[in-house]
């Protein structure tokens, strides 16, 4: 089942990424050769689906509703969204990694913020940035896929299913982009192992941990895949849905500084809200991925185990949530504002 899911997502990504990587001039030449042959057939199909009426153009902001007027969001060339997402994530990771490490210790051990800070202080500066390589690679590629694949899936759905409701099309594109990000689960898995102090002696570095996991088979790299799929898909649907609506409400009379401040505030508020809602699922994922070898416990079984281990308290499952939303306020504020800044150079 695991291999089937990964194969389907991989095949879809290969096709769309190939289209995104193909130069625009080459795609135009290919398209011109096909247009003459299929133009008449396409017109017949459009008339059949639209009841004899010409198909109406949808704006990039059509997710706000079919009857609501809105300003069209300028599109950039296919593939540029990937770069903008990558650059935004790179800047974010280098700033927020220490905060993320404190939150991770609270998730894993259920301790207070001061206790987690004491652990890091006792380990010294040498271990403070230990484990940054997997999230630096995973998060930059993940955010790149998040924005890039959302854009590609949007274009594909609007082209191949023009009668699909805009809101449903955008939600589907966001969920599929989240599923595409799940291909990077092994990097998130390695990050968990490198940040857990119980593995400081067992694994010398990231590459050593990756080699050791090979003895358990491919499935060991994807331990915790199900909560990651659930988290990514639901988070993307919420993020892009709320982001487009807040973007439409942005004031247009300010300068670049005002626009950047609005983008930061929107990203910060949306990121903090989503990370708080998804926090218990992240706790479950962390505990699933902190194990090496042995049986694969499901999401429900791990949740029940954590609930019992933390005194049957739902509040205990949210331990560390305050530093989580603080980190998300900074992290997603940086990502959203930096992404929009980079994107503005390609419009």
C-alpha atoms as a PDB file:
ATOM      1  CA  UNK A   1       0.000   0.000   0.000  1.00  0.00           C
ATOM      2  CA  UNK A   2       2.832   2.380   0.920  1.00  0.00           C
ATOM      3  CA  UNK A   3       4.672   1.712  -2.338  1.00  0.00           C
ATOM      4  CA  UNK A   4       1.472   2.182  -4.364  1.00  0.00           C
ATOM      5  CA  UNK A   5       0.783   5.597  -2.797  1.00  0.00           C
ATOM      6  CA  UNK A   6       4.365   6.783  -3.309  1.00  0.00           C
ATOM      7  CA  UNK A   7       4.429   5.521  -6.904  1.00  0.00           C
ATOM      8  CA  UNK A   8       1.213   7.343  -7.847  1.00  0.00           C
ATOM      9  CA  UNK A   9       2.393  10.629  -6.337  1.00  0.00           C
ATOM     10  CA  UNK A  10       5.843  10.229  -7.915  1.00  0.00           C
ATOM     11  CA  UNK A  11       4.451   9.629 -11.432  1.00  0.00           C
ATOM     12  CA  UNK A  12       2.208  12.697 -11.178  1.00  0.00           C
ATOM     13  CA  UNK A  13       5.067  14.878  -9.975  1.00  0.00           C
ATOM     14  CA  UNK A  14       7.421  13.696 -12.732  1.00  0.00           C
ATOM     15  CA  UNK A  15       4.916  14.724 -15.419  1.00  0.00           C
ATOM     16  CA  UNK A  16       4.113  18.137 -13.933  1.00  0.00           C
ATOM     17  CA  UNK A  17       7.718  18.959 -12.994  1.00  0.00           C
ATOM     18  CA  UNK A  18       8.790  18.067 -16.551  1.00  0.00           C
ATOM     19  CA  UNK A  19       6.247  20.504 -17.936  1.00  0.00           C
ATOM     20  CA  UNK A  20       7.370  23.169 -15.463  1.00  0.00           C
ATOM     21  CA  UNK A  21      11.031  22.690 -16.347  1.00  0.00           C
ATOM     22  CA  UNK A  22      10.468  22.869 -20.113  1.00  0.00           C
ATOM     23  CA  UNK A  23      11.307  26.343 -21.503  1.00  0.00           C
ATOM     24  CA  UNK A  24       8.295  28.429 -22.467  1.00  0.00           C
ATOM     25  CA  UNK A  25       9.526  28.830 -26.060  1.00  0.00           C
ATOM     26  CA  UNK A  26       9.734  25.058 -26.511  1.00  0.00           C
ATOM     27  CA  UNK A  27       6.257  24.521 -25.075  1.00  0.00           C
ATOM     28  CA  UNK A  28       4.871  27.166 -27.424  1.00  0.00           C
ATOM     29  CA  UNK A  29       6.358  25.404 -30.451  1.00  0.00           C
ATOM     30  CA  UNK A  30       4.895  22.086 -29.332  1.00  0.00           C
ATOM     31  CA  UNK A  31       1.531  23.663 -28.602  1.00  0.00           C
ATOM     32  CA  UNK A  32       1.349  25.463 -31.964  1.00  0.00           C
ATOM     33  CA  UNK A  33       1.802  22.158 -33.776  1.00  0.00           C
ATOM     34  CA  UNK A  34      -1.104  20.634 -31.914  1.00  0.00           C
ATOM     35  CA  UNK A  35      -3.446  23.626 -31.939  1.00  0.00           C
ATOM     36  CA  UNK A  36      -4.253  23.462 -35.630  1.00  0.00           C
ATOM     37  CA  UNK A  37      -5.096  19.784 -35.468  1.00  0.00           C
ATOM     38  CA  UNK A  38      -7.256  19.895 -32.355  1.00  0.00           C
ATOM     39  CA  UNK A  39      -8.724  23.416 -32.465  1.00  0.00           C
ATOM     40  CA  UNK A  40     -12.017  22.386 -34.035  1.00  0.00           C
ATOM     41  CA  UNK A  41     -12.407  19.407 -31.684  1.00  0.00           C
ATOM     42  CA  UNK A  42     -11.673  21.581 -28.626  1.00  0.00           C
ATOM     43  CA  UNK A  43     -14.321  24.118 -29.651  1.00  0.00           C
ATOM     44  CA  UNK A  44     -16.898  21.333 -29.966  1.00  0.00           C
ATOM     45  CA  UNK A  45     -16.040  20.033 -26.504  1.00  0.00           C
ATOM     46  CA  UNK A  46     -16.273  23.518 -24.980  1.00  0.00           C
ATOM     47  CA  UNK A  47     -19.686  24.114 -26.571  1.00  0.00           C
ATOM     48  CA  UNK A  48     -20.925  20.740 -25.322  1.00  0.00           C
ATOM     49  CA  UNK A  49     -19.826  21.433 -21.720  1.00  0.00           C
ATOM     50  CA  UNK A  50     -20.983  25.064 -21.670  1.00  0.00           C
ATOM     51  CA  UNK A  51     -24.348  24.436 -23.300  1.00  0.00           C
ATOM     52  CA  UNK A  52     -23.479  26.257 -26.512  1.00  0.00           C
ATOM     53  CA  UNK A  53     -22.069  29.309 -24.716  1.00  0.00           C
ATOM     54  CA  UNK A  54     -18.405  30.279 -24.975  1.00  0.00           C
ATOM     55  CA  UNK A  55     -16.355  29.319 -21.940  1.00  0.00           C
ATOM     56  CA  UNK A  56     -15.739  32.167 -19.529  1.00  0.00           C
ATOM     57  CA  UNK A  57     -12.221  32.981 -18.440  1.00  0.00           C
ATOM     58  CA  UNK A  58     -11.476  32.539 -14.775  1.00  0.00           C
ATOM     59  CA  UNK A  59      -9.174  34.841 -12.920  1.00  0.00           C
ATOM     60  CA  UNK A  60      -6.401  33.560 -10.685  1.00  0.00           C
ATOM     61  CA  UNK A  61      -8.451  34.722  -7.697  1.00  0.00           C
ATOM     62  CA  UNK A  62     -11.627  32.890  -8.742  1.00  0.00           C
ATOM     63  CA  UNK A  63     -11.492  30.796  -5.593  1.00  0.00           C
ATOM     64  CA  UNK A  64     -13.239  33.659  -3.842  1.00  0.00           C
ATOM     65  CA  UNK A  65     -16.452  32.564  -5.551  1.00  0.00           C
ATOM     66  CA  UNK A  66     -17.903  32.530  -9.071  1.00  0.00           C
ATOM     67  CA  UNK A  67     -20.133  35.554  -8.535  1.00  0.00           C
ATOM     68  CA  UNK A  68     -17.780  37.741  -6.525  1.00  0.00           C
ATOM     69  CA  UNK A  69     -15.790  40.330  -8.459  1.00  0.00           C
ATOM     70  CA  UNK A  70     -12.096  40.340  -7.660  1.00  0.00           C
ATOM     71  CA  UNK A  71      -8.837  41.623  -8.985  1.00  0.00           C
ATOM     72  CA  UNK A  72      -6.940  39.062 -11.078  1.00  0.00           C
ATOM     73  CA  UNK A  73      -3.745  37.862  -9.452  1.00  0.00           C
ATOM     74  CA  UNK A  74      -0.852  38.183 -11.926  1.00  0.00           C
ATOM     75  CA  UNK A  75       0.632  34.858 -13.000  1.00  0.00           C
ATOM     76  CA  UNK A  76       4.321  34.150 -13.288  1.00  0.00           C
ATOM     77  CA  UNK A  77       5.973  31.768 -15.717  1.00  0.00           C
ATOM     78  CA  UNK A  78       5.534  28.096 -14.769  1.00  0.00           C
ATOM     79  CA  UNK A  79       8.416  26.925 -12.605  1.00  0.00           C
ATOM     80  CA  UNK A  80       9.212  30.289 -11.001  1.00  0.00           C
ATOM     81  CA  UNK A  81       6.925  29.471  -8.056  1.00  0.00           C
ATOM     82  CA  UNK A  82       9.310  26.649  -7.119  1.00  0.00           C
ATOM     83  CA  UNK A  83      12.264  29.031  -6.818  1.00  0.00           C
ATOM     84  CA  UNK A  84      10.309  31.616  -4.815  1.00  0.00           C
ATOM     85  CA  UNK A  85       9.188  28.966  -2.329  1.00  0.00           C
ATOM     86  CA  UNK A  86      12.717  27.560  -2.010  1.00  0.00           C
ATOM     87  CA  UNK A  87      14.291  30.955  -1.309  1.00  0.00           C
ATOM     88  CA  UNK A  88      11.656  31.856   1.279  1.00  0.00           C
ATOM     89  CA  UNK A  89      12.147  28.570   3.152  1.00  0.00           C
ATOM     90  CA  UNK A  90      15.958  28.839   3.141  1.00  0.00           C
ATOM     91  CA  UNK A  91      15.875  32.227   4.864  1.00  0.00           C
ATOM     92  CA  UNK A  92      13.296  30.979   7.343  1.00  0.00           C
ATOM     93  CA  UNK A  93      15.147  27.803   8.403  1.00  0.00           C
ATOM     94  CA  UNK A  94      18.421  29.549   9.148  1.00  0.00           C
ATOM     95  CA  UNK A  95      16.600  31.908  11.540  1.00  0.00           C
ATOM     96  CA  UNK A  96      14.127  29.625  13.318  1.00  0.00           C
ATOM     97  CA  UNK A  97      16.003  26.307  13.725  1.00  0.00           C
ATOM     98  CA  UNK A  98      16.980  26.824  17.419  1.00  0.00           C
ATOM     99  CA  UNK A  99      13.362  27.677  18.294  1.00  0.00           C
ATOM    100  CA  UNK A 100      12.197  24.534  16.517  1.00  0.00           C
ATOM    101  CA  UNK A 101      14.668  22.430  18.523  1.00  0.00           C
ATOM    102  CA  UNK A 102      13.274  23.693  21.842  1.00  0.00           C
ATOM    103  CA  UNK A 103       9.744  22.860  20.685  1.00  0.00           C
ATOM    104  CA  UNK A 104      10.866  19.395  19.549  1.00  0.00           C
ATOM    105  CA  UNK A 105      12.240  18.559  23.009  1.00  0.00           C
ATOM    106  CA  UNK A 106       8.919  19.576  24.563  1.00  0.00           C
ATOM    107  CA  UNK A 107       7.012  17.418  22.097  1.00  0.00           C
ATOM    108  CA  UNK A 108       9.177  14.362  22.661  1.00  0.00           C
ATOM    109  CA  UNK A 109       9.731  14.481  26.422  1.00  0.00           C
ATOM    110  CA  UNK A 110       6.706  16.494  27.602  1.00  0.00           C
ATOM    111  CA  UNK A 111       8.891  18.951  29.556  1.00  0.00           C
ATOM    112  CA  UNK A 112       8.586  22.695  30.110  1.00  0.00           C
ATOM    113  CA  UNK A 113      10.257  25.312  27.926  1.00  0.00           C
ATOM    114  CA  UNK A 114      12.854  26.084  30.613  1.00  0.00           C
ATOM    115  CA  UNK A 115      13.692  22.408  31.009  1.00  0.00           C
ATOM    116  CA  UNK A 116      14.154  22.077  27.224  1.00  0.00           C
ATOM    117  CA  UNK A 117      16.379  25.173  27.199  1.00  0.00           C
ATOM    118  CA  UNK A 118      18.373  23.659  30.057  1.00  0.00           C
ATOM    119  CA  UNK A 119      18.937  20.487  28.039  1.00  0.00           C
ATOM    120  CA  UNK A 120      20.251  22.481  25.064  1.00  0.00           C
ATOM    121  CA  UNK A 121      22.434  24.642  27.303  1.00  0.00           C
ATOM    122  CA  UNK A 122      23.934  21.545  28.895  1.00  0.00           C
ATOM    123  CA  UNK A 123      24.719  20.025  25.488  1.00  0.00           C
ATOM    124  CA  UNK A 124      26.554  23.153  24.336  1.00  0.00           C
ATOM    125  CA  UNK A 125      26.680  25.185  21.129  1.00  0.00           C
ATOM    126  CA  UNK A 126      28.191  22.280  19.181  1.00  0.00           C
ATOM    127  CA  UNK A 127      24.875  20.411  19.304  1.00  0.00           C
ATOM    128  CA  UNK A 128      22.608  23.473  18.908  1.00  0.00           C
ATOM    129  CA  UNK A 129      22.555  23.252  15.108  1.00  0.00           C
ATOM    130  CA  UNK A 130      22.989  19.478  15.037  1.00  0.00           C
ATOM    131  CA  UNK A 131      20.399  18.080  12.642  1.00  0.00           C
ATOM    132  CA  UNK A 132      19.925  21.276  10.600  1.00  0.00           C
ATOM    133  CA  UNK A 133      20.929  19.614   7.315  1.00  0.00           C
ATOM    134  CA  UNK A 134      17.790  17.425   6.924  1.00  0.00           C
ATOM    135  CA  UNK A 135      15.303  20.268   7.648  1.00  0.00           C
ATOM    136  CA  UNK A 136      17.335  22.691   5.537  1.00  0.00           C
ATOM    137  CA  UNK A 137      17.013  20.359   2.569  1.00  0.00           C
ATOM    138  CA  UNK A 138      13.580  18.990   3.425  1.00  0.00           C
ATOM    139  CA  UNK A 139      11.909  22.303   4.280  1.00  0.00           C
ATOM    140  CA  UNK A 140      13.330  24.255   1.344  1.00  0.00           C
ATOM    141  CA  UNK A 141      12.256  21.557  -1.107  1.00  0.00           C
ATOM    142  CA  UNK A 142       8.966  21.062   0.752  1.00  0.00           C
ATOM    143  CA  UNK A 143       7.967  24.740   0.600  1.00  0.00           C
ATOM    144  CA  UNK A 144       9.169  24.851  -2.995  1.00  0.00           C
ATOM    145  CA  UNK A 145       6.861  21.920  -3.793  1.00  0.00           C
ATOM    146  CA  UNK A 146       4.061  23.460  -1.737  1.00  0.00           C
ATOM    147  CA  UNK A 147       3.915  26.670  -3.771  1.00  0.00           C
ATOM    148  CA  UNK A 148       5.161  25.245  -7.068  1.00  0.00           C
ATOM    149  CA  UNK A 149       2.993  22.142  -7.191  1.00  0.00           C
ATOM    150  CA  UNK A 150      -0.058  24.085  -6.016  1.00  0.00           C
ATOM    151  CA  UNK A 151       0.417  26.390  -8.982  1.00  0.00           C
ATOM    152  CA  UNK A 152       0.987  23.470 -11.367  1.00  0.00           C
ATOM    153  CA  UNK A 153      -1.992  21.477 -10.090  1.00  0.00           C
ATOM    154  CA  UNK A 154      -4.159  24.594 -10.380  1.00  0.00           C
ATOM    155  CA  UNK A 155      -3.163  25.087 -14.010  1.00  0.00           C
ATOM    156  CA  UNK A 156      -3.667  21.396 -14.793  1.00  0.00           C
ATOM    157  CA  UNK A 157      -7.103  21.178 -13.158  1.00  0.00           C
ATOM    158  CA  UNK A 158      -8.356  24.373 -14.796  1.00  0.00           C
ATOM    159  CA  UNK A 159      -7.148  23.177 -18.168  1.00  0.00           C
ATOM    160  CA  UNK A 160      -8.322  19.557 -17.955  1.00  0.00           C
ATOM    161  CA  UNK A 161     -11.522  20.110 -15.925  1.00  0.00           C
ATOM    162  CA  UNK A 162     -12.860  23.573 -16.845  1.00  0.00           C
ATOM    163  CA  UNK A 163     -16.318  22.793 -15.417  1.00  0.00           C
ATOM    164  CA  UNK A 164     -14.961  21.994 -11.961  1.00  0.00           C
ATOM    165  CA  UNK A 165     -16.018  24.566  -9.359  1.00  0.00           C
ATOM    166  CA  UNK A 166     -13.133  26.995  -8.691  1.00  0.00           C
ATOM    167  CA  UNK A 167     -13.210  26.464  -4.915  1.00  0.00           C
ATOM    168  CA  UNK A 168     -13.152  22.688  -5.302  1.00  0.00           C
ATOM    169  CA  UNK A 169     -10.355  22.952  -7.868  1.00  0.00           C
ATOM    170  CA  UNK A 170      -8.228  25.095  -5.530  1.00  0.00           C
ATOM    171  CA  UNK A 171      -8.856  22.780  -2.572  1.00  0.00           C
ATOM    172  CA  UNK A 172      -7.926  19.757  -4.671  1.00  0.00           C
ATOM    173  CA  UNK A 173      -4.757  21.472  -5.895  1.00  0.00           C
ATOM    174  CA  UNK A 174      -3.771  22.319  -2.316  1.00  0.00           C
ATOM    175  CA  UNK A 175      -4.399  18.770  -1.060  1.00  0.00           C
ATOM    176  CA  UNK A 176      -2.439  17.238  -3.951  1.00  0.00           C
ATOM    177  CA  UNK A 177       0.439  19.627  -3.313  1.00  0.00           C
ATOM    178  CA  UNK A 178       0.464  18.469   0.313  1.00  0.00           C
ATOM    179  CA  UNK A 179       0.555  14.837  -0.798  1.00  0.00           C
ATOM    180  CA  UNK A 180       3.495  15.668  -3.070  1.00  0.00           C
ATOM    181  CA  UNK A 181       5.393  17.102  -0.097  1.00  0.00           C
ATOM    182  CA  UNK A 182       5.043  13.747   1.684  1.00  0.00           C
ATOM    183  CA  UNK A 183       7.656  12.314  -0.694  1.00  0.00           C
ATOM    184  CA  UNK A 184      10.196  14.092   1.530  1.00  0.00           C
ATOM    185  CA  UNK A 185       9.213  12.122   4.653  1.00  0.00           C
ATOM    186  CA  UNK A 186      12.687  10.483   4.956  1.00  0.00           C
ATOM    187  CA  UNK A 187      14.283  13.891   5.619  1.00  0.00           C
ATOM    188  CA  UNK A 188      11.750  14.683   8.324  1.00  0.00           C
ATOM    189  CA  UNK A 189      12.412  11.224   9.765  1.00  0.00           C
ATOM    190  CA  UNK A 190      16.168  11.821   9.915  1.00  0.00           C
ATOM    191  CA  UNK A 191      15.631  15.230  11.509  1.00  0.00           C
ATOM    192  CA  UNK A 192      13.686  13.612  14.365  1.00  0.00           C
ATOM    193  CA  UNK A 193      16.438  11.063  14.998  1.00  0.00           C
ATOM    194  CA  UNK A 194      19.208  13.665  14.927  1.00  0.00           C
ATOM    195  CA  UNK A 195      17.413  15.955  17.381  1.00  0.00           C
ATOM    196  CA  UNK A 196      16.600  13.194  19.879  1.00  0.00           C
ATOM    197  CA  UNK A 197      19.317  13.104  22.554  1.00  0.00           C
ATOM    198  CA  UNK A 198      18.870   9.347  22.998  1.00  0.00           C
ATOM    199  CA  UNK A 199      20.489   8.877  19.575  1.00  0.00           C
ATOM    200  CA  UNK A 200      23.478  11.186  20.089  1.00  0.00           C
ATOM    201  CA  UNK A 201      25.757   8.200  20.725  1.00  0.00           C
ATOM    202  CA  UNK A 202      24.126   5.840  18.233  1.00  0.00           C
ATOM    203  CA  UNK A 203      24.219   8.097  15.159  1.00  0.00           C
ATOM    204  CA  UNK A 204      27.350  10.143  14.426  1.00  0.00           C
ATOM    205  CA  UNK A 205      25.688  12.359  11.787  1.00  0.00           C
ATOM    206  CA  UNK A 206      22.847  12.506   9.280  1.00  0.00           C
ATOM    207  CA  UNK A 207      24.512  10.269   6.700  1.00  0.00           C
ATOM    208  CA  UNK A 208      25.333   7.664   9.340  1.00  0.00           C
ATOM    209  CA  UNK A 209      21.701   7.606  10.480  1.00  0.00           C
ATOM    210  CA  UNK A 210      20.521   7.257   6.862  1.00  0.00           C
ATOM    211  CA  UNK A 211      22.836   4.276   6.324  1.00  0.00           C
ATOM    212  CA  UNK A 212      21.724   2.602   9.547  1.00  0.00           C
ATOM    213  CA  UNK A 213      18.049   2.830   8.555  1.00  0.00           C
ATOM    214  CA  UNK A 214      18.796   0.908   5.354  1.00  0.00           C
ATOM    215  CA  UNK A 215      19.045  -2.296   7.376  1.00  0.00           C
ATOM    216  CA  UNK A 216      15.330  -2.020   8.219  1.00  0.00           C
ATOM    217  CA  UNK A 217      14.156  -1.538   4.628  1.00  0.00           C
ATOM    218  CA  UNK A 218      12.529   1.293   2.666  1.00  0.00           C
ATOM    219  CA  UNK A 219       9.434   1.428   4.875  1.00  0.00           C
ATOM    220  CA  UNK A 220      11.550   2.548   7.849  1.00  0.00           C
ATOM    221  CA  UNK A 221      12.366   5.812   6.051  1.00  0.00           C
ATOM    222  CA  UNK A 222       8.618   6.468   5.696  1.00  0.00           C
ATOM    223  CA  UNK A 223       7.601   5.725   9.272  1.00  0.00           C
ATOM    224  CA  UNK A 224       4.957   8.298  10.178  1.00  0.00           C
ATOM    225  CA  UNK A 225       3.807   8.821   6.581  1.00  0.00           C
ATOM    226  CA  UNK A 226       0.064   8.764   7.343  1.00  0.00           C
ATOM    227  CA  UNK A 227       0.036  11.674   9.855  1.00  0.00           C
ATOM    228  CA  UNK A 228       2.301  13.626   7.488  1.00  0.00           C
ATOM    229  CA  UNK A 229      -0.149  13.118   4.604  1.00  0.00           C
ATOM    230  CA  UNK A 230      -3.067  14.189   6.800  1.00  0.00           C
ATOM    231  CA  UNK A 231      -1.190  17.203   8.166  1.00  0.00           C
ATOM    232  CA  UNK A 232       0.160  18.424   4.826  1.00  0.00           C
ATOM    233  CA  UNK A 233      -3.080  18.108   2.869  1.00  0.00           C
ATOM    234  CA  UNK A 234      -5.291  19.722   5.520  1.00  0.00           C
ATOM    235  CA  UNK A 235      -2.747  22.475   6.244  1.00  0.00           C
ATOM    236  CA  UNK A 236      -2.392  23.380   2.566  1.00  0.00           C
ATOM    237  CA  UNK A 237      -6.148  23.594   2.051  1.00  0.00           C
ATOM    238  CA  UNK A 238      -6.435  25.971   5.016  1.00  0.00           C
ATOM    239  CA  UNK A 239      -3.315  27.982   4.137  1.00  0.00           C
ATOM    240  CA  UNK A 240      -4.075  28.714   0.485  1.00  0.00           C
ATOM    241  CA  UNK A 241      -7.794  29.240   1.124  1.00  0.00           C
ATOM    242  CA  UNK A 242      -7.224  31.795   3.894  1.00  0.00           C
ATOM    243  CA  UNK A 243      -4.234  33.362   2.143  1.00  0.00           C
ATOM    244  CA  UNK A 244      -6.128  34.190  -1.041  1.00  0.00           C
ATOM    245  CA  UNK A 245      -8.953  35.831   0.890  1.00  0.00           C
ATOM    246  CA  UNK A 246      -6.638  37.917   3.051  1.00  0.00           C
ATOM    247  CA  UNK A 247      -4.619  38.855  -0.024  1.00  0.00           C
ATOM    248  CA  UNK A 248      -7.789  40.144  -1.687  1.00  0.00           C
ATOM    249  CA  UNK A 249      -8.499  42.320   1.371  1.00  0.00           C
ATOM    250  CA  UNK A 250      -5.026  43.913   1.368  1.00  0.00           C
ATOM    251  CA  UNK A 251      -4.926  47.731   1.171  1.00  0.00           C
ATOM    252  CA  UNK A 252      -3.834  48.954  -2.259  1.00  0.00           C
ATOM    253  CA  UNK A 253      -2.897  52.528  -1.362  1.00  0.00           C
ATOM    254  CA  UNK A 254       0.315  51.673   0.542  1.00  0.00           C
ATOM    255  CA  UNK A 255       3.830  51.323  -0.778  1.00  0.00           C
ATOM    256  CA  UNK A 256       6.131  48.332  -0.886  1.00  0.00           C
ATOM    257  CA  UNK A 257       6.813  48.496   2.866  1.00  0.00           C
ATOM    258  CA  UNK A 258       3.083  48.443   3.632  1.00  0.00           C
ATOM    259  CA  UNK A 259       2.560  45.494   1.298  1.00  0.00           C
ATOM    260  CA  UNK A 260       5.447  43.557   2.866  1.00  0.00           C
ATOM    261  CA  UNK A 261       4.081  44.214   6.360  1.00  0.00           C
ATOM    262  CA  UNK A 262       0.639  42.977   5.283  1.00  0.00           C
ATOM    263  CA  UNK A 263       2.135  39.813   3.748  1.00  0.00           C
ATOM    264  CA  UNK A 264       4.111  39.161   6.934  1.00  0.00           C
ATOM    265  CA  UNK A 265       1.044  39.641   9.134  1.00  0.00           C
ATOM    266  CA  UNK A 266      -1.133  37.395   6.935  1.00  0.00           C
ATOM    267  CA  UNK A 267       1.446  34.609   6.839  1.00  0.00           C
ATOM    268  CA  UNK A 268       2.102  34.892  10.574  1.00  0.00           C
ATOM    269  CA  UNK A 269      -1.566  34.707  11.591  1.00  0.00           C
ATOM    270  CA  UNK A 270      -2.434  31.885   9.195  1.00  0.00           C
ATOM    271  CA  UNK A 271       0.676  29.891  10.104  1.00  0.00           C
ATOM    272  CA  UNK A 272       0.085  30.269  13.854  1.00  0.00           C
ATOM    273  CA  UNK A 273      -3.552  29.199  13.504  1.00  0.00           C
ATOM    274  CA  UNK A 274      -2.809  26.130  11.383  1.00  0.00           C
ATOM    275  CA  UNK A 275       0.181  24.993  13.440  1.00  0.00           C
ATOM    276  CA  UNK A 276      -1.924  25.190  16.627  1.00  0.00           C
ATOM    277  CA  UNK A 277      -4.784  23.184  15.110  1.00  0.00           C
ATOM    278  CA  UNK A 278      -2.388  20.545  13.752  1.00  0.00           C
ATOM    279  CA  UNK A 279      -0.164  20.424  16.853  1.00  0.00           C
ATOM    280  CA  UNK A 280      -1.511  17.163  18.362  1.00  0.00           C
ATOM    281  CA  UNK A 281      -1.047  15.442  14.981  1.00  0.00           C
ATOM    282  CA  UNK A 282       2.550  16.663  14.930  1.00  0.00           C
ATOM    283  CA  UNK A 283       3.085  15.264  18.423  1.00  0.00           C
ATOM    284  CA  UNK A 284       1.806  11.863  17.265  1.00  0.00           C
ATOM    285  CA  UNK A 285       4.039  12.014  14.186  1.00  0.00           C
ATOM    286  CA  UNK A 286       7.084  12.888  16.296  1.00  0.00           C
ATOM    287  CA  UNK A 287       6.582   9.914  18.582  1.00  0.00           C
ATOM    288  CA  UNK A 288       6.018   7.549  15.665  1.00  0.00           C
ATOM    289  CA  UNK A 289       9.244   8.702  14.005  1.00  0.00           C
ATOM    290  CA  UNK A 290      11.351   8.632  17.169  1.00  0.00           C
ATOM    291  CA  UNK A 291      11.369   4.830  17.079  1.00  0.00           C
ATOM    292  CA  UNK A 292      13.816   2.748  15.085  1.00  0.00           C
ATOM    293  CA  UNK A 293      12.834  -0.774  14.106  1.00  0.00           C
ATOM    294  CA  UNK A 294      10.006  -2.791  15.566  1.00  0.00           C
ATOM    295  CA  UNK A 295       6.330  -2.818  14.598  1.00  0.00           C
ATOM    296  CA  UNK A 296       4.684   0.160  12.913  1.00  0.00           C
ATOM    297  CA  UNK A 297       2.068   1.606  15.258  1.00  0.00           C
ATOM    298  CA  UNK A 298      -0.885   3.356  13.642  1.00  0.00           C
ATOM    299  CA  UNK A 299      -2.054   6.908  14.261  1.00  0.00           C
ATOM    300  CA  UNK A 300      -4.905   5.907  16.575  1.00  0.00           C
ATOM    301  CA  UNK A 301      -2.756   3.462  18.559  1.00  0.00           C
ATOM    302  CA  UNK A 302       0.002   6.052  19.040  1.00  0.00           C
ATOM    303  CA  UNK A 303      -2.527   8.718  20.049  1.00  0.00           C
ATOM    304  CA  UNK A 304      -4.058   6.382  22.655  1.00  0.00           C
ATOM    305  CA  UNK A 305      -0.589   5.506  23.979  1.00  0.00           C
ATOM    306  CA  UNK A 306       0.341   9.185  24.326  1.00  0.00           C
ATOM    307  CA  UNK A 307      -2.983  10.002  25.961  1.00  0.00           C
ATOM    308  CA  UNK A 308      -2.403   7.345  28.622  1.00  0.00           C
ATOM    309  CA  UNK A 309       1.278   8.268  29.088  1.00  0.00           C
ATOM    310  CA  UNK A 310       0.371  11.918  29.737  1.00  0.00           C
ATOM    311  CA  UNK A 311      -2.160  11.222  32.440  1.00  0.00           C
ATOM    312  CA  UNK A 312      -5.210  11.052  30.172  1.00  0.00           C
ATOM    313  CA  UNK A 313      -5.017  14.813  29.680  1.00  0.00           C
ATOM    314  CA  UNK A 314      -5.826  16.426  26.348  1.00  0.00           C
ATOM    315  CA  UNK A 315      -4.093  19.571  27.550  1.00  0.00           C
ATOM    316  CA  UNK A 316      -0.869  17.597  27.966  1.00  0.00           C
ATOM    317  CA  UNK A 317      -0.934  16.781  24.236  1.00  0.00           C
ATOM    318  CA  UNK A 318      -0.629  20.531  23.584  1.00  0.00           C
ATOM    319  CA  UNK A 319       2.456  20.911  25.775  1.00  0.00           C
ATOM    320  CA  UNK A 320       4.862  23.129  23.874  1.00  0.00           C
ATOM    321  CA  UNK A 321       2.128  24.689  21.738  1.00  0.00           C
ATOM    322  CA  UNK A 322       2.958  28.219  22.933  1.00  0.00           C
ATOM    323  CA  UNK A 323       6.480  28.099  21.520  1.00  0.00           C
ATOM    324  CA  UNK A 324       5.079  26.336  18.451  1.00  0.00           C
ATOM    325  CA  UNK A 325       2.739  29.186  17.509  1.00  0.00           C
ATOM    326  CA  UNK A 326       5.422  31.716  18.416  1.00  0.00           C
ATOM    327  CA  UNK A 327       7.799  29.997  16.006  1.00  0.00           C
ATOM    328  CA  UNK A 328       5.054  29.767  13.379  1.00  0.00           C
ATOM    329  CA  UNK A 329       4.275  33.477  13.715  1.00  0.00           C
ATOM    330  CA  UNK A 330       7.897  34.247  12.841  1.00  0.00           C
ATOM    331  CA  UNK A 331       8.408  31.379  10.395  1.00  0.00           C
ATOM    332  CA  UNK A 332       5.331  31.779   8.200  1.00  0.00           C
ATOM    333  CA  UNK A 333       5.534  35.542   8.376  1.00  0.00           C
ATOM    334  CA  UNK A 334       9.041  35.303   6.910  1.00  0.00           C
ATOM    335  CA  UNK A 335       8.023  32.683   4.340  1.00  0.00           C
ATOM    336  CA  UNK A 336       4.952  34.530   3.078  1.00  0.00           C
ATOM    337  CA  UNK A 337       6.552  37.976   2.891  1.00  0.00           C
ATOM    338  CA  UNK A 338       9.791  36.678   1.332  1.00  0.00           C
ATOM    339  CA  UNK A 339       7.826  34.569  -1.160  1.00  0.00           C
ATOM    340  CA  UNK A 340       5.747  37.556  -2.272  1.00  0.00           C
ATOM    341  CA  UNK A 341       8.875  39.702  -2.529  1.00  0.00           C
ATOM    342  CA  UNK A 342      10.635  37.153  -4.732  1.00  0.00           C
ATOM    343  CA  UNK A 343       7.475  36.569  -6.757  1.00  0.00           C
ATOM    344  CA  UNK A 344       7.087  40.281  -7.481  1.00  0.00           C
ATOM    345  CA  UNK A 345      10.358  40.202  -9.413  1.00  0.00           C
ATOM    346  CA  UNK A 346       8.964  37.613 -11.854  1.00  0.00           C
ATOM    347  CA  UNK A 347       5.583  39.219 -12.620  1.00  0.00           C
END
